[in-house]
Amino acid sequence: MIYMSKIGVIGDYDSICGFSALGLDIFPAENAETAGELLEKLASGDYGIIYITESYLKMLPEAEETYAAKMTPAIIPIPSASGSDGFGISRVKRYVEQAVGSDIIFNEEN
């Protein structure tokens, strides 16, 4: 039997409404507190991938630390409707550096 995890998207409605057209489950949140509650609920359920807007994830540092150490669910920051503030890409860069040992994505000198 093949087990497939669900994919959920958390954020303000304007930023995530389009994801429902792709078949993803959307969970609108009006603030970071609600987003955190939804994140906990989805993470303890059948959701293997959870997209969350950068602005909300940035306001939930404890949640980010909690789920970063776990294999699933994968918590992936996405830009909001107003655009990216760079938080998501800096997070990806950090994880690649940890895994590989150097900055292979941007190859910047420190």
N, C-alpha and C. Protein backbone atom coordinates (compact mmCIF):
# COMPACT_ATOMS: atom_id res chain seq x y z
N MET A 1 0.83 -1.17 0.00
CA MET A 1 0.00 0.00 0.00
C MET A 1 0.88 1.24 0.00
N ILE A 2 0.54 2.19 -0.83
CA ILE A 2 1.28 3.44 -0.91
C ILE A 2 0.63 4.46 0.01
N TYR A 3 1.46 5.06 0.84
CA TYR A 3 0.98 6.09 1.76
C TYR A 3 1.42 7.44 1.23
N MET A 4 0.50 8.33 1.04
CA MET A 4 0.82 9.67 0.56
C MET A 4 0.46 10.69 1.62
N SER A 5 1.40 11.55 1.92
CA SER A 5 1.15 12.62 2.88
C SER A 5 0.38 13.74 2.20
N LYS A 6 -0.33 14.48 3.00
CA LYS A 6 -1.04 15.65 2.51
C LYS A 6 -0.09 16.84 2.46
N ILE A 7 -0.47 17.83 1.66
CA ILE A 7 0.28 19.07 1.58
C ILE A 7 -0.64 20.21 1.98
N GLY A 8 -0.19 21.01 2.94
CA GLY A 8 -0.98 22.14 3.42
C GLY A 8 -0.25 23.45 3.24
N VAL A 9 -1.03 24.52 3.15
CA VAL A 9 -0.47 25.86 2.98
C VAL A 9 -1.11 26.79 4.02
N ILE A 10 -0.27 27.48 4.79
CA ILE A 10 -0.74 28.39 5.83
C ILE A 10 -0.28 29.81 5.50
N GLY A 11 -1.18 30.74 5.64
CA GLY A 11 -0.82 32.14 5.42
C GLY A 11 -2.05 33.00 5.34
N ASP A 12 -1.86 34.28 5.03
CA ASP A 12 -3.01 35.15 4.84
C ASP A 12 -3.72 34.70 3.55
N TYR A 13 -5.03 34.90 3.51
CA TYR A 13 -5.84 34.36 2.42
C TYR A 13 -5.35 34.80 1.05
N ASP A 14 -5.04 36.08 0.89
CA ASP A 14 -4.61 36.57 -0.42
C ASP A 14 -3.34 35.89 -0.91
N SER A 15 -2.49 35.48 -0.01
CA SER A 15 -1.22 34.84 -0.38
C SER A 15 -1.37 33.37 -0.73
N ILE A 16 -2.39 32.71 -0.19
CA ILE A 16 -2.46 31.25 -0.35
C ILE A 16 -3.65 30.74 -1.15
N CYS A 17 -4.60 31.60 -1.49
CA CYS A 17 -5.84 31.13 -2.14
C CYS A 17 -5.57 30.40 -3.45
N GLY A 18 -4.58 30.79 -4.19
CA GLY A 18 -4.27 30.14 -5.47
C GLY A 18 -3.80 28.71 -5.34
N PHE A 19 -3.28 28.34 -4.18
CA PHE A 19 -2.78 26.98 -3.99
C PHE A 19 -3.91 25.94 -3.99
N SER A 20 -5.12 26.38 -3.69
CA SER A 20 -6.24 25.43 -3.71
C SER A 20 -6.51 24.94 -5.13
N ALA A 21 -6.22 25.76 -6.13
CA ALA A 21 -6.40 25.34 -7.53
C ALA A 21 -5.43 24.23 -7.90
N LEU A 22 -4.35 24.10 -7.16
CA LEU A 22 -3.37 23.04 -7.40
C LEU A 22 -3.71 21.77 -6.62
N GLY A 23 -4.78 21.81 -5.85
CA GLY A 23 -5.19 20.65 -5.07
C GLY A 23 -4.60 20.60 -3.67
N LEU A 24 -3.95 21.68 -3.25
CA LEU A 24 -3.39 21.72 -1.91
C LEU A 24 -4.44 22.21 -0.92
N ASP A 25 -4.33 21.77 0.32
CA ASP A 25 -5.24 22.21 1.37
C ASP A 25 -4.75 23.55 1.90
N ILE A 26 -5.61 24.57 1.85
CA ILE A 26 -5.20 25.89 2.35
C ILE A 26 -5.82 26.17 3.71
N PHE A 27 -5.05 26.88 4.53
CA PHE A 27 -5.48 27.21 5.89
C PHE A 27 -5.19 28.69 6.14
N PRO A 28 -6.16 29.54 5.84
CA PRO A 28 -5.95 30.97 6.05
C PRO A 28 -5.79 31.30 7.54
N ALA A 29 -4.86 32.20 7.83
CA ALA A 29 -4.62 32.64 9.20
C ALA A 29 -4.59 34.16 9.20
N GLU A 30 -5.20 34.73 10.21
CA GLU A 30 -5.26 36.19 10.30
C GLU A 30 -4.06 36.79 11.02
N ASN A 31 -3.33 35.94 11.78
CA ASN A 31 -2.17 36.45 12.51
C ASN A 31 -1.21 35.28 12.78
N ALA A 32 -0.05 35.63 13.33
CA ALA A 32 0.98 34.61 13.59
C ALA A 32 0.53 33.61 14.63
N GLU A 33 -0.24 34.04 15.61
CA GLU A 33 -0.71 33.12 16.65
C GLU A 33 -1.59 32.02 16.04
N THR A 34 -2.52 32.42 15.20
CA THR A 34 -3.39 31.45 14.52
C THR A 34 -2.56 30.56 13.60
N ALA A 35 -1.60 31.14 12.91
CA ALA A 35 -0.73 30.36 12.02
C ALA A 35 0.03 29.30 12.82
N GLY A 36 0.51 29.66 14.01
CA GLY A 36 1.22 28.71 14.86
C GLY A 36 0.33 27.57 15.31
N GLU A 37 -0.91 27.89 15.66
CA GLU A 37 -1.86 26.84 16.06
C GLU A 37 -2.16 25.90 14.89
N LEU A 38 -2.34 26.48 13.70
CA LEU A 38 -2.58 25.66 12.52
C LEU A 38 -1.37 24.79 12.19
N LEU A 39 -0.18 25.34 12.33
CA LEU A 39 1.04 24.59 12.07
C LEU A 39 1.13 23.37 12.98
N GLU A 40 0.87 23.56 14.27
CA GLU A 40 0.90 22.44 15.21
C GLU A 40 -0.14 21.38 14.84
N LYS A 41 -1.34 21.83 14.49
CA LYS A 41 -2.41 20.91 14.12
C LYS A 41 -2.04 20.09 12.88
N LEU A 42 -1.54 20.75 11.84
CA LEU A 42 -1.19 20.05 10.61
C LEU A 42 0.01 19.12 10.82
N ALA A 43 0.99 19.58 11.59
CA ALA A 43 2.19 18.79 11.83
C ALA A 43 1.90 17.51 12.61
N SER A 44 0.88 17.56 13.44
CA SER A 44 0.54 16.36 14.22
C SER A 44 -0.43 15.45 13.46
N GLY A 45 -0.82 15.87 12.27
CA GLY A 45 -1.74 15.08 11.44
C GLY A 45 -1.01 14.38 10.31
N ASP A 46 -1.69 14.28 9.19
CA ASP A 46 -1.17 13.55 8.02
C ASP A 46 -0.42 14.43 7.03
N TYR A 47 0.00 15.61 7.43
CA TYR A 47 0.66 16.53 6.51
C TYR A 47 2.17 16.32 6.52
N GLY A 48 2.71 15.97 5.36
CA GLY A 48 4.14 15.73 5.22
C GLY A 48 4.88 16.96 4.76
N ILE A 49 4.16 17.87 4.09
CA ILE A 49 4.74 19.12 3.61
C ILE A 49 3.79 20.24 4.01
N ILE A 50 4.34 21.26 4.64
CA ILE A 50 3.54 22.41 5.04
C ILE A 50 4.25 23.67 4.55
N TYR A 51 3.60 24.36 3.63
CA TYR A 51 4.09 25.65 3.17
C TYR A 51 3.49 26.71 4.10
N ILE A 52 4.31 27.69 4.47
CA ILE A 52 3.83 28.77 5.33
C ILE A 52 4.49 30.06 4.87
N THR A 53 3.74 31.14 4.88
CA THR A 53 4.31 32.40 4.41
C THR A 53 5.48 32.81 5.29
N GLU A 54 6.48 33.41 4.64
CA GLU A 54 7.70 33.83 5.35
C GLU A 54 7.38 34.72 6.54
N SER A 55 6.45 35.64 6.35
CA SER A 55 6.16 36.59 7.42
C SER A 55 5.66 35.89 8.68
N TYR A 56 4.84 34.86 8.52
CA TYR A 56 4.34 34.13 9.70
C TYR A 56 5.43 33.23 10.29
N LEU A 57 6.17 32.54 9.46
CA LEU A 57 7.20 31.65 9.98
C LEU A 57 8.28 32.44 10.73
N LYS A 58 8.57 33.62 10.24
CA LYS A 58 9.58 34.46 10.90
C LYS A 58 9.13 34.84 12.30
N MET A 59 7.81 34.94 12.52
CA MET A 59 7.28 35.29 13.84
C MET A 59 7.09 34.07 14.73
N LEU A 60 7.47 32.88 14.25
CA LEU A 60 7.33 31.64 15.01
C LEU A 60 8.67 30.92 15.13
N PRO A 61 9.68 31.57 15.74
CA PRO A 61 11.01 30.95 15.79
C PRO A 61 11.04 29.62 16.55
N GLU A 62 10.20 29.48 17.57
CA GLU A 62 10.18 28.22 18.32
C GLU A 62 9.69 27.08 17.45
N ALA A 63 8.67 27.35 16.66
CA ALA A 63 8.13 26.32 15.77
C ALA A 63 9.15 25.95 14.71
N GLU A 64 9.84 26.93 14.18
CA GLU A 64 10.85 26.66 13.17
C GLU A 64 11.94 25.73 13.73
N GLU A 65 12.40 26.01 14.94
CA GLU A 65 13.42 25.17 15.57
C GLU A 65 12.90 23.76 15.82
N THR A 66 11.66 23.65 16.29
CA THR A 66 11.06 22.35 16.60
C THR A 66 11.02 21.46 15.37
N TYR A 67 10.53 21.99 14.26
CA TYR A 67 10.34 21.17 13.07
C TYR A 67 11.58 21.04 12.21
N ALA A 68 12.57 21.91 12.40
CA ALA A 68 13.81 21.82 11.63
C ALA A 68 14.57 20.54 11.96
N ALA A 69 14.41 20.05 13.19
CA ALA A 69 15.13 18.86 13.62
C ALA A 69 14.42 17.56 13.23
N LYS A 70 13.23 17.67 12.66
CA LYS A 70 12.45 16.48 12.33
C LYS A 70 12.45 16.22 10.82
N MET A 71 12.33 14.96 10.45
CA MET A 71 12.28 14.59 9.04
C MET A 71 10.97 15.08 8.41
N THR A 72 9.88 14.83 9.10
CA THR A 72 8.59 15.29 8.60
C THR A 72 7.82 15.95 9.73
N PRO A 73 7.05 16.90 9.47
CA PRO A 73 6.77 17.46 8.16
C PRO A 73 7.86 18.44 7.73
N ALA A 74 7.98 18.61 6.42
CA ALA A 74 8.88 19.62 5.89
C ALA A 74 8.15 20.95 5.95
N ILE A 75 8.73 21.91 6.62
CA ILE A 75 8.13 23.24 6.74
C ILE A 75 8.87 24.14 5.75
N ILE A 76 8.15 24.64 4.76
CA ILE A 76 8.77 25.39 3.67
C ILE A 76 8.20 26.80 3.61
N PRO A 77 9.06 27.81 3.80
CA PRO A 77 8.57 29.19 3.73
C PRO A 77 8.32 29.60 2.29
N ILE A 78 7.24 30.36 2.08
CA ILE A 78 6.92 30.88 0.76
C ILE A 78 6.68 32.39 0.89
N PRO A 79 6.90 33.13 -0.19
CA PRO A 79 6.63 34.57 -0.13
C PRO A 79 5.14 34.83 0.03
N SER A 80 4.81 35.96 0.61
CA SER A 80 3.41 36.36 0.71
C SER A 80 3.03 37.11 -0.56
N ALA A 81 1.78 37.52 -0.65
CA ALA A 81 1.31 38.26 -1.82
C ALA A 81 2.06 39.58 -1.99
N SER A 82 2.61 40.12 -0.91
CA SER A 82 3.35 41.37 -1.00
C SER A 82 4.81 41.17 -1.39
N GLY A 83 5.24 39.91 -1.56
CA GLY A 83 6.60 39.63 -2.00
C GLY A 83 7.44 38.97 -0.93
N SER A 84 8.67 38.68 -1.29
CA SER A 84 9.60 38.00 -0.39
C SER A 84 10.45 39.02 0.36
N ASP A 85 10.74 38.69 1.61
CA ASP A 85 11.65 39.55 2.38
C ASP A 85 13.03 38.91 2.52
N GLY A 86 13.24 37.78 1.83
CA GLY A 86 14.54 37.11 1.85
C GLY A 86 14.68 36.06 2.93
N PHE A 87 13.70 35.94 3.81
CA PHE A 87 13.79 35.00 4.92
C PHE A 87 13.85 33.56 4.42
N GLY A 88 13.01 33.21 3.48
CA GLY A 88 12.95 31.84 2.98
C GLY A 88 14.24 31.41 2.31
N ILE A 89 14.78 32.24 1.44
CA ILE A 89 16.00 31.88 0.72
C ILE A 89 17.20 31.83 1.67
N SER A 90 17.23 32.68 2.68
CA SER A 90 18.34 32.62 3.65
C SER A 90 18.27 31.33 4.45
N ARG A 91 17.06 30.86 4.72
CA ARG A 91 16.87 29.59 5.44
C ARG A 91 17.36 28.42 4.59
N VAL A 92 17.01 28.40 3.31
CA VAL A 92 17.47 27.34 2.41
C VAL A 92 18.99 27.37 2.31
N LYS A 93 19.55 28.55 2.17
CA LYS A 93 21.01 28.69 2.09
C LYS A 93 21.68 28.12 3.34
N ARG A 94 21.12 28.43 4.51
CA ARG A 94 21.68 27.93 5.77
C ARG A 94 21.67 26.40 5.83
N TYR A 95 20.54 25.79 5.41
CA TYR A 95 20.44 24.33 5.45
C TYR A 95 21.39 23.66 4.46
N VAL A 96 21.56 24.27 3.30
CA VAL A 96 22.50 23.72 2.31
C VAL A 96 23.92 23.80 2.86
N GLU A 97 24.26 24.92 3.48
CA GLU A 97 25.59 25.07 4.07
C GLU A 97 25.83 24.02 5.16
N GLN A 98 24.81 23.75 5.97
CA GLN A 98 24.95 22.74 7.01
C GLN A 98 25.14 21.36 6.40
N ALA A 99 24.41 21.05 5.36
CA ALA A 99 24.47 19.72 4.76
C ALA A 99 25.75 19.50 3.97
N VAL A 100 26.18 20.51 3.23
CA VAL A 100 27.31 20.36 2.32
C VAL A 100 28.62 20.84 2.93
N GLY A 101 28.53 21.83 3.79
CA GLY A 101 29.73 22.36 4.42
C GLY A 101 30.21 23.66 3.82
N SER A 102 29.58 24.10 2.74
CA SER A 102 29.94 25.39 2.15
C SER A 102 28.75 25.94 1.36
N ASP A 103 28.89 27.19 0.96
CA ASP A 103 27.82 27.87 0.23
C ASP A 103 27.93 27.53 -1.25
N ILE A 104 27.24 26.49 -1.68
CA ILE A 104 27.30 26.10 -3.10
C ILE A 104 26.21 26.76 -3.92
N ILE A 105 25.25 27.42 -3.26
CA ILE A 105 24.16 28.05 -3.99
C ILE A 105 24.55 29.45 -4.45
N PHE A 106 25.05 30.28 -3.53
CA PHE A 106 25.36 31.67 -3.87
C PHE A 106 26.86 31.90 -4.01
N ASN A 107 27.65 30.99 -3.46
CA ASN A 107 29.10 31.06 -3.55
C ASN A 107 29.63 32.45 -3.21
N GLU A 108 29.15 32.98 -2.08
CA GLU A 108 29.58 34.31 -1.63
C GLU A 108 30.77 34.18 -0.71
N GLU A 109 31.65 35.13 -0.80
CA GLU A 109 32.81 35.21 0.10
C GLU A 109 32.38 35.87 1.39
N ASN A 110 32.81 35.34 2.52
CA ASN A 110 32.49 35.99 3.81
C ASN A 110 33.60 36.87 4.26
